[in-house]
Each structure stands twice: as structure tokens, then as C-alpha cells.
């Protein structure tokens, strides 16, 4: 059975604001007679919705499904903001994403935070998001990097590493990492968020124990 923190993370990915904004974008493209872009948005939105619904009852999904979901989410946000930022998704070509498992909807809040609070809040010509997945013998790390405004250092430090009190998605990540560590006795999961180079942007990293598909 999924824990409450997992369910909150799932709900946060397809929150009402995101659904409303995507549908608004689709409507605006239709009104502007840009049917091709509207059609692409609908197709990506439908694909993402289906993935989330299929994964919503599972504690773990294959990494390729989670990777596809966060890529679709990022593509939709990029289209919604008229390609105001570029993005890259990097994974070692030798890795078989179908061969190991990840908790669903764990990475998405980091991407949402990077886009909405880093890249869109203060638009710039070179705005960029990078999502990278790397694996070692006993753990896998996912790093989300943006070159935006960075998290505010004057926030009340109720959560580690400058996470804002109202960052519910980030708080849920901490809860899920703690839950993973209570269930796992080998490699300990971790979550770190810090300012990027020259105090520009944010680097958020989640490291998890490798769980192979049986």
C-alpha cells in the first residue's frame, strides 16, 4: 500500500493548477488557429495522464517509465511557457532503464521547482534545465540543475539546505527518502539541494539504493 507522502507526491504532479494551465494553453492555440501545436499538447498531456494513472497504485516503477513521465512533464511545461527555457535529459547509454526500479513521482517536484521558481520567475535568454541520471554499483543518483535565480537564502530554515517552508513537493521528497531508509538496510537514500556555481541557479540531487527488476 502506498504511504500518504507517496500519495501526496502523486497528487502534486497532476495538481489542478497544472491541469488548468495546460488546458488553457491548448485553448489559446486553438483560438489562434495553431491546430498542430494544440494537437501536440493534447497528445503529450494524454500520454502523461495515462502514465500517472498507471503508476499511481505502485510504490516502484521501472526507471524507463519514470524517465518518460518526467520528460513528458518537462516538454509540456516548455510548450506552455512558449519555450522560455531549454532542457536536456542525460543518462549513460550503457544503462538499461528497464532493469531497475524507481519510486514514481519522486523527481517531478524538483523539475517543477526548477522551472517555476528558478527559470520562469526571472526569465533570461539562456535559461536551461538539465536532468541527469547516473548509477554506481549500489546506488543511482538523479541530479536536477537549473541556471535560474536560485533558492532564497533568507528563507526561514525549517527544512534542510534552504528548502522553503511552503515547498510541499520538496517536503514530500524528504518524507519519502526517510521512508526508503526505514525500509532499506544497505545503501542510505539522500536528498541535497544547494546553490549552483557562482551562486546562480540550483542543484538538487536524489540518491537511491539500486533495486533491480526481478
N, C-alpha and C. Protein backbone atom coordinates (compact mmCIF):
# COMPACT_ATOMS: atom_id res chain seq x y z
N UNK A 1 0.84 -1.20 0.00
CA UNK A 1 0.00 0.00 0.00
C UNK A 1 0.88 1.25 0.00
N UNK A 2 0.47 2.25 -0.74
CA UNK A 2 1.23 3.50 -0.79
C UNK A 2 1.08 4.28 0.50
N UNK A 3 2.17 4.92 0.92
CA UNK A 3 2.11 5.78 2.10
C UNK A 3 1.43 7.09 1.73
N UNK A 4 1.02 7.86 2.75
CA UNK A 4 0.36 9.14 2.50
C UNK A 4 1.29 10.11 1.78
N UNK A 5 2.60 10.08 2.12
CA UNK A 5 3.54 11.00 1.46
C UNK A 5 3.68 10.67 -0.01
N UNK A 6 3.61 9.36 -0.36
CA UNK A 6 3.66 8.97 -1.77
C UNK A 6 2.40 9.45 -2.50
N UNK A 7 1.27 9.31 -1.87
CA UNK A 7 0.02 9.75 -2.49
C UNK A 7 0.02 11.25 -2.70
N UNK A 8 0.57 12.01 -1.73
CA UNK A 8 0.65 13.46 -1.88
C UNK A 8 1.55 13.82 -3.06
N UNK A 9 2.64 13.07 -3.24
CA UNK A 9 3.55 13.34 -4.36
C UNK A 9 2.88 13.07 -5.69
N UNK A 10 2.08 12.00 -5.75
CA UNK A 10 1.35 11.69 -6.98
C UNK A 10 0.34 12.78 -7.30
N UNK A 11 -0.39 13.21 -6.28
CA UNK A 11 -1.38 14.27 -6.49
C UNK A 11 -0.72 15.58 -6.92
N UNK A 12 0.50 15.83 -6.40
CA UNK A 12 1.16 17.10 -6.72
C UNK A 12 1.58 17.16 -8.17
N UNK A 13 1.87 15.98 -8.79
CA UNK A 13 2.33 16.01 -10.18
C UNK A 13 1.23 16.47 -11.12
N UNK A 14 0.03 16.01 -10.91
CA UNK A 14 -1.08 16.42 -11.75
C UNK A 14 -2.01 17.31 -10.94
N UNK A 15 -1.44 18.32 -10.32
CA UNK A 15 -2.25 19.20 -9.48
C UNK A 15 -3.21 20.03 -10.35
N UNK A 16 -4.27 20.53 -9.73
CA UNK A 16 -5.29 21.27 -10.50
C UNK A 16 -4.73 22.47 -11.27
N UNK A 17 -3.74 23.17 -10.69
CA UNK A 17 -3.17 24.33 -11.37
C UNK A 17 -2.51 23.92 -12.68
N UNK A 18 -1.75 22.81 -12.65
CA UNK A 18 -1.07 22.35 -13.85
C UNK A 18 -2.07 21.95 -14.92
N UNK A 19 -3.08 21.17 -14.53
CA UNK A 19 -4.11 20.73 -15.48
C UNK A 19 -4.82 21.94 -16.09
N UNK A 20 -5.21 22.88 -15.23
CA UNK A 20 -5.91 24.09 -15.69
C UNK A 20 -5.04 24.87 -16.67
N UNK A 21 -3.76 25.05 -16.36
CA UNK A 21 -2.88 25.84 -17.21
C UNK A 21 -2.62 25.18 -18.56
N UNK A 22 -2.45 23.86 -18.55
CA UNK A 22 -2.23 23.15 -19.82
C UNK A 22 -3.47 23.26 -20.69
N UNK A 23 -4.65 23.05 -20.11
CA UNK A 23 -5.88 23.16 -20.89
C UNK A 23 -6.08 24.58 -21.42
N UNK A 24 -5.68 25.57 -20.62
CA UNK A 24 -5.74 26.95 -21.09
C UNK A 24 -4.83 27.18 -22.28
N UNK A 25 -3.63 26.59 -22.20
CA UNK A 25 -2.68 26.72 -23.31
C UNK A 25 -3.23 26.08 -24.58
N UNK A 26 -3.83 24.91 -24.43
CA UNK A 26 -4.42 24.23 -25.58
C UNK A 26 -5.52 25.09 -26.20
N UNK A 27 -6.35 25.66 -25.34
CA UNK A 27 -7.44 26.52 -25.83
C UNK A 27 -6.89 27.73 -26.59
N UNK A 28 -5.82 28.34 -26.07
CA UNK A 28 -5.27 29.53 -26.73
C UNK A 28 -4.70 29.19 -28.09
N UNK A 29 -4.04 28.00 -28.20
CA UNK A 29 -3.51 27.60 -29.51
C UNK A 29 -4.65 27.34 -30.49
N UNK A 30 -5.74 26.75 -30.00
CA UNK A 30 -6.90 26.50 -30.87
C UNK A 30 -7.49 27.83 -31.34
N UNK A 31 -7.62 28.78 -30.41
CA UNK A 31 -8.19 30.09 -30.74
C UNK A 31 -7.31 30.84 -31.74
N UNK A 32 -6.01 30.60 -31.67
CA UNK A 32 -5.08 31.24 -32.61
C UNK A 32 -4.93 30.45 -33.91
N UNK A 33 -5.76 29.42 -34.04
CA UNK A 33 -5.74 28.56 -35.23
C UNK A 33 -4.43 27.81 -35.43
N UNK A 34 -3.71 27.58 -34.31
CA UNK A 34 -2.48 26.79 -34.39
C UNK A 34 -2.82 25.36 -33.96
N UNK A 35 -3.51 24.67 -34.86
CA UNK A 35 -4.05 23.36 -34.52
C UNK A 35 -2.97 22.31 -34.32
N UNK A 36 -1.84 22.44 -35.03
CA UNK A 36 -0.77 21.45 -34.91
C UNK A 36 -0.18 21.46 -33.50
N UNK A 37 0.11 22.64 -32.97
CA UNK A 37 0.68 22.73 -31.63
C UNK A 37 -0.35 22.28 -30.59
N UNK A 38 -1.61 22.68 -30.79
CA UNK A 38 -2.66 22.26 -29.87
C UNK A 38 -2.77 20.74 -29.84
N UNK A 39 -2.67 20.13 -31.02
CA UNK A 39 -2.75 18.68 -31.11
C UNK A 39 -1.58 18.01 -30.39
N UNK A 40 -0.37 18.57 -30.55
CA UNK A 40 0.80 18.02 -29.87
C UNK A 40 0.66 18.12 -28.36
N UNK A 41 0.14 19.25 -27.88
CA UNK A 41 -0.08 19.43 -26.44
C UNK A 41 -1.06 18.38 -25.92
N UNK A 42 -2.14 18.18 -26.64
CA UNK A 42 -3.15 17.21 -26.23
C UNK A 42 -2.55 15.81 -26.17
N UNK A 43 -1.77 15.44 -27.19
CA UNK A 43 -1.16 14.11 -27.23
C UNK A 43 -0.22 13.89 -26.05
N UNK A 44 0.63 14.89 -25.76
CA UNK A 44 1.58 14.76 -24.65
C UNK A 44 0.86 14.74 -23.31
N UNK A 45 -0.17 15.58 -23.18
CA UNK A 45 -0.94 15.64 -21.94
C UNK A 45 -1.64 14.30 -21.69
N UNK A 46 -2.19 13.71 -22.75
CA UNK A 46 -2.87 12.42 -22.63
C UNK A 46 -1.88 11.32 -22.25
N UNK A 47 -0.69 11.35 -22.87
CA UNK A 47 0.33 10.34 -22.58
C UNK A 47 0.80 10.44 -21.12
N UNK A 48 1.00 11.67 -20.65
CA UNK A 48 1.44 11.88 -19.27
C UNK A 48 0.34 11.45 -18.29
N UNK A 49 -0.89 11.81 -18.58
CA UNK A 49 -2.01 11.43 -17.71
C UNK A 49 -2.11 9.91 -17.60
N UNK A 50 -1.94 9.23 -18.72
CA UNK A 50 -2.03 7.77 -18.71
C UNK A 50 -0.91 7.16 -17.88
N UNK A 51 0.31 7.67 -18.05
CA UNK A 51 1.44 7.16 -17.26
C UNK A 51 1.19 7.33 -15.77
N UNK A 52 0.71 8.50 -15.38
CA UNK A 52 0.49 8.78 -13.96
C UNK A 52 -0.59 7.87 -13.39
N UNK A 53 -1.66 7.69 -14.15
CA UNK A 53 -2.74 6.82 -13.69
C UNK A 53 -2.26 5.38 -13.55
N UNK A 54 -1.46 4.92 -14.48
CA UNK A 54 -0.95 3.54 -14.43
C UNK A 54 0.03 3.34 -13.28
N UNK A 55 0.79 4.40 -12.94
CA UNK A 55 1.80 4.28 -11.90
C UNK A 55 1.27 4.60 -10.51
N UNK A 56 0.05 5.15 -10.44
CA UNK A 56 -0.42 5.75 -9.19
C UNK A 56 -0.69 4.75 -8.07
N UNK A 57 -0.78 3.46 -8.41
CA UNK A 57 -1.03 2.45 -7.37
C UNK A 57 0.24 1.67 -7.03
N UNK A 58 1.38 2.08 -7.58
CA UNK A 58 2.61 1.33 -7.39
C UNK A 58 3.62 2.12 -6.55
N UNK A 59 4.34 1.40 -5.70
CA UNK A 59 5.39 2.04 -4.91
C UNK A 59 6.67 2.18 -5.71
N UNK A 60 6.86 1.30 -6.69
CA UNK A 60 8.04 1.33 -7.55
C UNK A 60 7.63 1.07 -8.99
N UNK A 61 8.28 1.75 -9.93
CA UNK A 61 8.05 1.52 -11.36
C UNK A 61 9.41 1.41 -12.04
N UNK A 62 9.44 0.83 -13.22
CA UNK A 62 10.71 0.74 -13.94
C UNK A 62 11.21 2.15 -14.26
N UNK A 63 12.52 2.32 -14.23
CA UNK A 63 13.12 3.65 -14.41
C UNK A 63 12.77 4.25 -15.76
N UNK A 64 12.58 3.43 -16.79
CA UNK A 64 12.25 3.97 -18.11
C UNK A 64 10.87 4.64 -18.09
N UNK A 65 9.93 4.11 -17.30
CA UNK A 65 8.60 4.73 -17.22
C UNK A 65 8.67 6.06 -16.47
N UNK A 66 9.45 6.10 -15.39
CA UNK A 66 9.59 7.35 -14.64
C UNK A 66 10.32 8.39 -15.48
N UNK A 67 11.34 7.97 -16.22
CA UNK A 67 12.11 8.87 -17.08
C UNK A 67 11.21 9.46 -18.16
N UNK A 68 10.35 8.61 -18.74
CA UNK A 68 9.43 9.07 -19.77
C UNK A 68 8.43 10.08 -19.19
N UNK A 69 7.95 9.83 -17.98
CA UNK A 69 6.97 10.72 -17.36
C UNK A 69 7.55 12.11 -17.10
N UNK A 70 8.78 12.16 -16.57
CA UNK A 70 9.35 13.48 -16.26
C UNK A 70 9.76 14.22 -17.53
N UNK A 71 10.11 13.49 -18.58
CA UNK A 71 10.40 14.14 -19.85
C UNK A 71 9.13 14.74 -20.45
N UNK A 72 8.04 13.99 -20.41
CA UNK A 72 6.76 14.50 -20.91
C UNK A 72 6.33 15.73 -20.12
N UNK A 73 6.48 15.66 -18.81
CA UNK A 73 6.11 16.81 -17.97
C UNK A 73 6.92 18.04 -18.37
N UNK A 74 8.23 17.87 -18.55
CA UNK A 74 9.09 19.00 -18.91
C UNK A 74 8.75 19.55 -20.28
N UNK A 75 8.47 18.67 -21.24
CA UNK A 75 8.08 19.11 -22.58
C UNK A 75 6.80 19.94 -22.54
N UNK A 76 5.84 19.49 -21.75
CA UNK A 76 4.59 20.23 -21.63
C UNK A 76 4.82 21.61 -21.02
N UNK A 77 5.63 21.68 -19.97
CA UNK A 77 5.91 22.97 -19.34
C UNK A 77 6.66 23.89 -20.30
N UNK A 78 7.57 23.33 -21.08
CA UNK A 78 8.31 24.13 -22.05
C UNK A 78 7.37 24.72 -23.10
N UNK A 79 6.45 23.89 -23.60
CA UNK A 79 5.49 24.37 -24.58
C UNK A 79 4.55 25.41 -23.96
N UNK A 80 4.15 25.16 -22.71
CA UNK A 80 3.22 26.07 -22.03
C UNK A 80 3.83 27.45 -21.85
N UNK A 81 5.15 27.50 -21.61
CA UNK A 81 5.83 28.78 -21.43
C UNK A 81 6.53 29.25 -22.71
N UNK A 82 6.01 28.76 -23.85
CA UNK A 82 6.49 29.22 -25.15
C UNK A 82 8.00 29.06 -25.28
N UNK A 83 8.50 27.91 -24.82
CA UNK A 83 9.92 27.54 -24.94
C UNK A 83 10.84 28.63 -24.34
N UNK A 84 10.45 29.09 -23.15
CA UNK A 84 11.24 30.13 -22.47
C UNK A 84 12.53 29.58 -21.88
N UNK A 85 12.68 28.26 -21.86
CA UNK A 85 13.90 27.63 -21.37
C UNK A 85 14.21 26.40 -22.22
N UNK A 86 15.48 26.05 -22.29
CA UNK A 86 15.89 24.82 -22.96
C UNK A 86 16.10 23.74 -21.90
N UNK A 87 16.20 22.49 -22.32
CA UNK A 87 16.38 21.41 -21.34
C UNK A 87 17.11 20.23 -21.98
N UNK A 88 17.81 19.49 -21.15
CA UNK A 88 18.49 18.27 -21.58
C UNK A 88 18.23 17.18 -20.55
N UNK A 89 18.10 15.95 -21.04
CA UNK A 89 17.98 14.77 -20.19
C UNK A 89 19.14 13.84 -20.53
N UNK A 90 19.97 13.54 -19.55
CA UNK A 90 21.18 12.77 -19.81
C UNK A 90 21.19 11.49 -18.98
N UNK A 91 21.44 10.38 -19.65
CA UNK A 91 21.58 9.10 -18.97
C UNK A 91 22.65 8.30 -19.71
N UNK A 92 23.46 7.57 -18.97
CA UNK A 92 24.51 6.75 -19.57
C UNK A 92 23.89 5.75 -20.54
N UNK A 93 24.39 5.73 -21.78
CA UNK A 93 23.82 4.86 -22.81
C UNK A 93 23.96 3.38 -22.45
N UNK A 94 24.90 3.05 -21.58
CA UNK A 94 25.11 1.65 -21.20
C UNK A 94 24.04 1.17 -20.21
N UNK A 95 23.33 2.11 -19.62
CA UNK A 95 22.31 1.74 -18.63
C UNK A 95 21.03 1.26 -19.31
N UNK A 96 20.47 0.21 -18.79
CA UNK A 96 19.18 -0.28 -19.24
C UNK A 96 18.14 0.16 -18.22
N UNK A 97 17.39 1.21 -18.54
CA UNK A 97 16.44 1.76 -17.58
C UNK A 97 15.33 0.77 -17.21
N UNK A 98 15.08 -0.20 -18.07
CA UNK A 98 14.03 -1.18 -17.78
C UNK A 98 14.45 -2.19 -16.72
N UNK A 99 15.74 -2.18 -16.36
CA UNK A 99 16.26 -3.22 -15.48
C UNK A 99 16.28 -2.83 -14.00
N UNK A 100 15.94 -1.58 -13.68
CA UNK A 100 15.88 -1.22 -12.26
C UNK A 100 14.67 -0.33 -12.00
N UNK A 101 14.36 -0.17 -10.71
CA UNK A 101 13.11 0.48 -10.30
C UNK A 101 13.36 1.80 -9.59
N UNK A 102 12.39 2.71 -9.72
CA UNK A 102 12.42 3.99 -9.03
C UNK A 102 11.05 4.27 -8.42
N UNK A 103 10.99 5.02 -7.33
CA UNK A 103 9.68 5.43 -6.81
C UNK A 103 9.04 6.43 -7.78
N UNK A 104 7.79 6.24 -8.15
CA UNK A 104 7.16 7.16 -9.11
C UNK A 104 6.93 8.54 -8.51
N UNK A 105 6.98 9.56 -9.35
CA UNK A 105 6.69 10.95 -9.00
C UNK A 105 7.65 11.53 -7.96
N UNK A 106 8.82 10.95 -7.80
CA UNK A 106 9.77 11.46 -6.81
C UNK A 106 10.61 12.60 -7.38
N UNK A 107 10.92 12.56 -8.66
CA UNK A 107 11.81 13.54 -9.27
C UNK A 107 11.04 14.77 -9.76
N UNK A 108 9.79 14.59 -10.13
CA UNK A 108 9.00 15.67 -10.73
C UNK A 108 8.94 16.95 -9.91
N UNK A 109 8.77 16.89 -8.58
CA UNK A 109 8.74 18.15 -7.82
C UNK A 109 10.01 18.98 -7.96
N UNK A 110 11.16 18.31 -8.15
CA UNK A 110 12.42 19.03 -8.35
C UNK A 110 12.40 19.78 -9.67
N UNK A 111 11.86 19.15 -10.71
CA UNK A 111 11.77 19.79 -12.02
C UNK A 111 10.77 20.94 -11.98
N UNK A 112 9.64 20.71 -11.34
CA UNK A 112 8.63 21.77 -11.21
C UNK A 112 9.21 22.97 -10.48
N UNK A 113 9.93 22.72 -9.39
CA UNK A 113 10.52 23.80 -8.60
C UNK A 113 11.55 24.57 -9.42
N UNK A 114 12.38 23.83 -10.19
CA UNK A 114 13.41 24.48 -11.01
C UNK A 114 12.79 25.37 -12.08
N UNK A 115 11.71 24.89 -12.70
CA UNK A 115 11.07 25.67 -13.77
C UNK A 115 10.33 26.88 -13.21
N UNK A 116 9.45 26.64 -12.25
CA UNK A 116 8.56 27.69 -11.78
C UNK A 116 9.27 28.72 -10.90
N UNK A 117 10.18 28.26 -10.05
CA UNK A 117 10.82 29.18 -9.09
C UNK A 117 12.24 29.57 -9.48
N UNK A 118 12.77 28.91 -10.51
CA UNK A 118 14.13 29.24 -10.93
C UNK A 118 14.19 29.89 -12.30
N UNK A 119 13.56 29.27 -13.29
CA UNK A 119 13.71 29.72 -14.68
C UNK A 119 12.63 30.69 -15.13
N UNK A 120 11.40 30.50 -14.66
CA UNK A 120 10.29 31.32 -15.12
C UNK A 120 10.13 32.58 -14.28
N UNK A 121 10.48 32.48 -13.01
CA UNK A 121 10.29 33.62 -12.09
C UNK A 121 11.07 34.84 -12.55
N UNK A 122 12.26 34.61 -13.13
CA UNK A 122 13.09 35.72 -13.62
C UNK A 122 13.66 35.31 -14.98
N UNK A 123 12.86 35.45 -16.06
CA UNK A 123 13.26 34.94 -17.38
C UNK A 123 14.60 35.50 -17.86
N UNK A 124 15.37 34.63 -18.54
CA UNK A 124 16.65 35.05 -19.11
C UNK A 124 16.87 34.27 -20.41
N UNK A 125 17.64 34.83 -21.35
CA UNK A 125 17.80 34.21 -22.67
C UNK A 125 18.41 32.81 -22.64
N UNK A 126 19.31 32.55 -21.68
CA UNK A 126 20.00 31.26 -21.65
C UNK A 126 19.41 30.31 -20.61
N UNK A 127 18.17 30.53 -20.20
CA UNK A 127 17.54 29.69 -19.18
C UNK A 127 17.60 28.22 -19.58
N UNK A 128 18.13 27.38 -18.68
CA UNK A 128 18.33 25.97 -19.04
C UNK A 128 18.11 25.06 -17.84
N UNK A 129 17.52 23.91 -18.13
CA UNK A 129 17.29 22.86 -17.14
C UNK A 129 18.02 21.60 -17.60
N UNK A 130 18.73 20.96 -16.68
CA UNK A 130 19.43 19.72 -17.01
C UNK A 130 19.05 18.65 -15.99
N UNK A 131 18.64 17.49 -16.49
CA UNK A 131 18.30 16.36 -15.63
C UNK A 131 19.22 15.21 -16.01
N UNK A 132 19.98 14.71 -15.05
CA UNK A 132 20.97 13.66 -15.33
C UNK A 132 20.78 12.50 -14.37
N UNK A 133 20.93 11.29 -14.91
CA UNK A 133 20.83 10.07 -14.11
C UNK A 133 22.14 9.31 -14.22
N UNK A 134 22.73 8.98 -13.07
CA UNK A 134 23.98 8.22 -13.04
C UNK A 134 23.84 7.08 -12.05
N UNK A 135 24.49 5.96 -12.36
CA UNK A 135 24.38 4.79 -11.50
C UNK A 135 25.76 4.27 -11.10
N UNK A 136 25.87 3.86 -9.84
CA UNK A 136 27.06 3.16 -9.34
C UNK A 136 26.63 1.74 -8.99
N UNK A 137 27.51 1.00 -8.34
CA UNK A 137 27.21 -0.40 -8.05
C UNK A 137 25.99 -0.56 -7.15
N UNK A 138 25.88 0.28 -6.14
CA UNK A 138 24.80 0.10 -5.17
C UNK A 138 23.80 1.24 -5.09
N UNK A 139 23.98 2.27 -5.92
CA UNK A 139 23.04 3.39 -5.85
C UNK A 139 22.89 4.09 -7.19
N UNK A 140 21.79 4.81 -7.33
CA UNK A 140 21.52 5.62 -8.52
C UNK A 140 21.23 7.04 -8.06
N UNK A 141 21.78 8.02 -8.76
CA UNK A 141 21.58 9.43 -8.41
C UNK A 141 20.94 10.18 -9.57
N UNK A 142 19.94 10.98 -9.25
CA UNK A 142 19.30 11.85 -10.23
C UNK A 142 19.57 13.29 -9.82
N UNK A 143 20.16 14.06 -10.73
CA UNK A 143 20.52 15.45 -10.44
C UNK A 143 19.72 16.38 -11.35
N UNK A 144 19.06 17.37 -10.74
CA UNK A 144 18.29 18.37 -11.47
C UNK A 144 18.97 19.72 -11.27
N UNK A 145 19.45 20.31 -12.38
CA UNK A 145 20.21 21.56 -12.30
C UNK A 145 19.54 22.63 -13.15
N UNK A 146 19.42 23.83 -12.60
CA UNK A 146 18.94 24.96 -13.40
C UNK A 146 19.87 26.15 -13.19
N UNK A 147 19.85 27.09 -14.13
CA UNK A 147 20.70 28.28 -14.02
C UNK A 147 19.85 29.53 -13.75
N UNK A 148 18.76 29.32 -13.01
CA UNK A 148 17.85 30.42 -12.70
C UNK A 148 18.28 31.23 -11.50
N UNK A 149 17.28 31.78 -10.80
CA UNK A 149 17.57 32.72 -9.71
C UNK A 149 18.10 32.03 -8.46
N UNK A 150 17.91 30.72 -8.31
CA UNK A 150 18.37 30.03 -7.11
C UNK A 150 17.40 30.21 -5.96
N UNK A 151 17.47 29.29 -4.99
CA UNK A 151 16.54 29.42 -3.87
C UNK A 151 16.96 30.59 -2.98
N UNK A 152 16.00 31.15 -2.30
CA UNK A 152 16.24 32.34 -1.47
C UNK A 152 16.95 31.95 -0.19
N UNK A 153 18.10 32.56 0.04
CA UNK A 153 18.90 32.21 1.22
C UNK A 153 18.32 32.80 2.51
N UNK A 154 17.41 33.74 2.38
CA UNK A 154 16.86 34.35 3.59
C UNK A 154 15.57 33.68 4.06
N UNK A 155 15.25 32.50 3.49
CA UNK A 155 14.04 31.81 3.92
C UNK A 155 14.24 31.22 5.30
N UNK A 156 13.17 31.14 6.05
CA UNK A 156 13.25 30.54 7.38
C UNK A 156 13.69 29.09 7.25
N UNK A 157 14.79 28.69 7.89
CA UNK A 157 15.38 27.36 7.66
C UNK A 157 14.66 26.24 8.40
N UNK A 158 13.40 25.99 8.03
CA UNK A 158 12.66 24.91 8.66
C UNK A 158 12.99 23.56 8.05
N UNK A 159 13.49 23.57 6.85
CA UNK A 159 13.87 22.34 6.16
C UNK A 159 15.34 22.45 5.76
N UNK A 160 16.01 21.30 5.53
CA UNK A 160 17.44 21.32 5.22
C UNK A 160 17.77 22.09 3.94
N UNK A 161 18.97 22.66 3.93
CA UNK A 161 19.56 23.23 2.72
C UNK A 161 18.71 24.32 2.08
N UNK A 162 18.00 25.12 2.88
CA UNK A 162 17.28 26.27 2.32
C UNK A 162 15.97 25.97 1.65
N UNK A 163 15.40 24.78 1.85
CA UNK A 163 14.11 24.47 1.23
C UNK A 163 13.02 25.31 1.89
N UNK A 164 12.19 25.94 1.10
CA UNK A 164 11.16 26.81 1.63
C UNK A 164 10.10 26.01 2.38
N UNK A 165 9.54 26.67 3.40
CA UNK A 165 8.52 26.01 4.22
C UNK A 165 7.33 25.57 3.37
N UNK A 166 6.99 26.35 2.34
CA UNK A 166 5.80 26.07 1.54
C UNK A 166 6.08 25.14 0.36
N UNK A 167 7.31 24.65 0.23
CA UNK A 167 7.64 23.75 -0.86
C UNK A 167 7.15 22.34 -0.52
N UNK A 168 5.84 22.14 -0.67
CA UNK A 168 5.23 20.88 -0.26
C UNK A 168 5.83 19.70 -1.02
N UNK A 169 6.09 19.89 -2.33
CA UNK A 169 6.66 18.81 -3.12
C UNK A 169 8.02 18.40 -2.60
N UNK A 170 8.85 19.39 -2.22
CA UNK A 170 10.18 19.09 -1.70
C UNK A 170 10.10 18.45 -0.32
N UNK A 171 9.15 18.90 0.48
CA UNK A 171 8.96 18.29 1.80
C UNK A 171 8.56 16.82 1.66
N UNK A 172 7.73 16.52 0.66
CA UNK A 172 7.31 15.14 0.45
C UNK A 172 8.50 14.27 0.04
N UNK A 173 9.46 14.85 -0.68
CA UNK A 173 10.66 14.10 -1.05
C UNK A 173 11.42 13.69 0.21
N UNK A 174 11.58 14.63 1.14
CA UNK A 174 12.27 14.31 2.40
C UNK A 174 11.54 13.19 3.14
N UNK A 175 10.22 13.25 3.16
CA UNK A 175 9.44 12.21 3.83
C UNK A 175 9.64 10.85 3.17
N UNK A 176 9.67 10.83 1.85
CA UNK A 176 9.81 9.56 1.13
C UNK A 176 11.22 9.00 1.26
N UNK A 177 12.23 9.89 1.26
CA UNK A 177 13.61 9.44 1.46
C UNK A 177 13.74 8.80 2.84
N UNK A 178 13.12 9.42 3.84
CA UNK A 178 13.15 8.86 5.19
C UNK A 178 12.48 7.50 5.22
N UNK A 179 11.36 7.37 4.51
CA UNK A 179 10.64 6.10 4.47
C UNK A 179 11.48 5.02 3.79
N UNK A 180 12.16 5.38 2.69
CA UNK A 180 13.03 4.43 1.99
C UNK A 180 14.12 3.93 2.92
N UNK A 181 14.69 4.84 3.71
CA UNK A 181 15.77 4.45 4.61
C UNK A 181 15.29 3.57 5.76
N UNK A 182 14.04 3.74 6.15
CA UNK A 182 13.48 2.86 7.19
C UNK A 182 13.26 1.44 6.65
N UNK A 183 13.05 1.34 5.34
CA UNK A 183 12.77 0.04 4.73
C UNK A 183 14.02 -0.64 4.19
N UNK A 184 15.10 0.11 4.05
CA UNK A 184 16.30 -0.42 3.41
C UNK A 184 17.48 -0.36 4.38
N UNK A 185 18.20 -1.49 4.50
CA UNK A 185 19.31 -1.56 5.45
C UNK A 185 20.68 -1.45 4.81
N UNK A 186 20.73 -1.34 3.49
CA UNK A 186 22.03 -1.27 2.82
C UNK A 186 22.38 0.18 2.52
N UNK A 187 22.31 0.60 1.25
CA UNK A 187 22.65 1.98 0.88
C UNK A 187 21.56 2.93 1.38
N UNK A 188 21.96 4.03 2.01
CA UNK A 188 21.02 5.00 2.54
C UNK A 188 20.71 6.09 1.50
N UNK A 189 19.43 6.29 1.24
CA UNK A 189 19.00 7.33 0.30
C UNK A 189 19.31 8.70 0.87
N UNK A 190 19.48 9.68 -0.03
CA UNK A 190 19.78 11.03 0.42
C UNK A 190 19.16 12.05 -0.54
N UNK A 191 18.95 13.25 -0.03
CA UNK A 191 18.41 14.36 -0.82
C UNK A 191 19.17 15.62 -0.44
N UNK A 192 19.73 16.29 -1.45
CA UNK A 192 20.51 17.50 -1.20
C UNK A 192 20.10 18.58 -2.20
N UNK A 193 19.98 19.81 -1.72
CA UNK A 193 19.67 20.93 -2.61
C UNK A 193 20.56 22.11 -2.21
N UNK A 194 21.19 22.73 -3.21
CA UNK A 194 22.14 23.80 -2.92
C UNK A 194 22.20 24.77 -4.10
N UNK A 195 22.85 25.91 -3.86
CA UNK A 195 23.06 26.88 -4.92
C UNK A 195 24.03 26.33 -5.96
N UNK A 196 23.84 26.76 -7.22
CA UNK A 196 24.73 26.35 -8.29
C UNK A 196 26.04 27.14 -8.26
N UNK A 197 26.83 26.95 -9.30
CA UNK A 197 28.11 27.62 -9.38
C UNK A 197 27.93 29.14 -9.43
N UNK A 198 28.82 29.85 -8.76
CA UNK A 198 28.77 31.32 -8.67
C UNK A 198 27.44 31.81 -8.11
N UNK A 199 26.84 30.97 -7.25
CA UNK A 199 25.57 31.29 -6.59
C UNK A 199 24.46 31.59 -7.59
N UNK A 200 24.52 30.93 -8.74
CA UNK A 200 23.47 31.06 -9.74
C UNK A 200 22.78 29.72 -9.92
N UNK A 201 21.45 29.73 -9.86
CA UNK A 201 20.71 28.51 -10.08
C UNK A 201 20.72 27.59 -8.87
N UNK A 202 20.18 26.40 -9.09
CA UNK A 202 20.03 25.42 -8.02
C UNK A 202 20.42 24.04 -8.53
N UNK A 203 21.07 23.27 -7.67
CA UNK A 203 21.40 21.88 -7.96
C UNK A 203 20.73 21.01 -6.91
N UNK A 204 19.82 20.15 -7.34
CA UNK A 204 19.12 19.24 -6.43
C UNK A 204 19.47 17.81 -6.82
N UNK A 205 19.83 16.99 -5.83
CA UNK A 205 20.26 15.62 -6.10
C UNK A 205 19.57 14.64 -5.17
N UNK A 206 19.02 13.60 -5.77
CA UNK A 206 18.46 12.48 -5.00
C UNK A 206 19.28 11.24 -5.32
N UNK A 207 19.75 10.54 -4.29
CA UNK A 207 20.46 9.27 -4.46
C UNK A 207 19.66 8.16 -3.77
N UNK A 208 19.48 7.06 -4.49
CA UNK A 208 18.64 5.97 -4.01
C UNK A 208 19.35 4.63 -4.15
N UNK A 209 19.01 3.66 -3.32
CA UNK A 209 19.58 2.33 -3.50
C UNK A 209 19.10 1.70 -4.81
N UNK A 210 19.96 0.95 -5.45
CA UNK A 210 19.59 0.27 -6.69
C UNK A 210 18.67 -0.89 -6.37
N UNK A 211 17.50 -0.90 -7.00
CA UNK A 211 16.57 -2.03 -6.84
C UNK A 211 16.35 -2.61 -8.24
N UNK A 212 16.85 -3.80 -8.44
CA UNK A 212 16.77 -4.45 -9.75
C UNK A 212 15.39 -5.08 -9.97
N UNK A 213 14.98 -5.11 -11.23
CA UNK A 213 13.75 -5.81 -11.58
C UNK A 213 13.98 -7.30 -11.45
N UNK A 214 13.11 -7.96 -10.75
CA UNK A 214 13.25 -9.41 -10.53
C UNK A 214 12.69 -10.17 -11.72
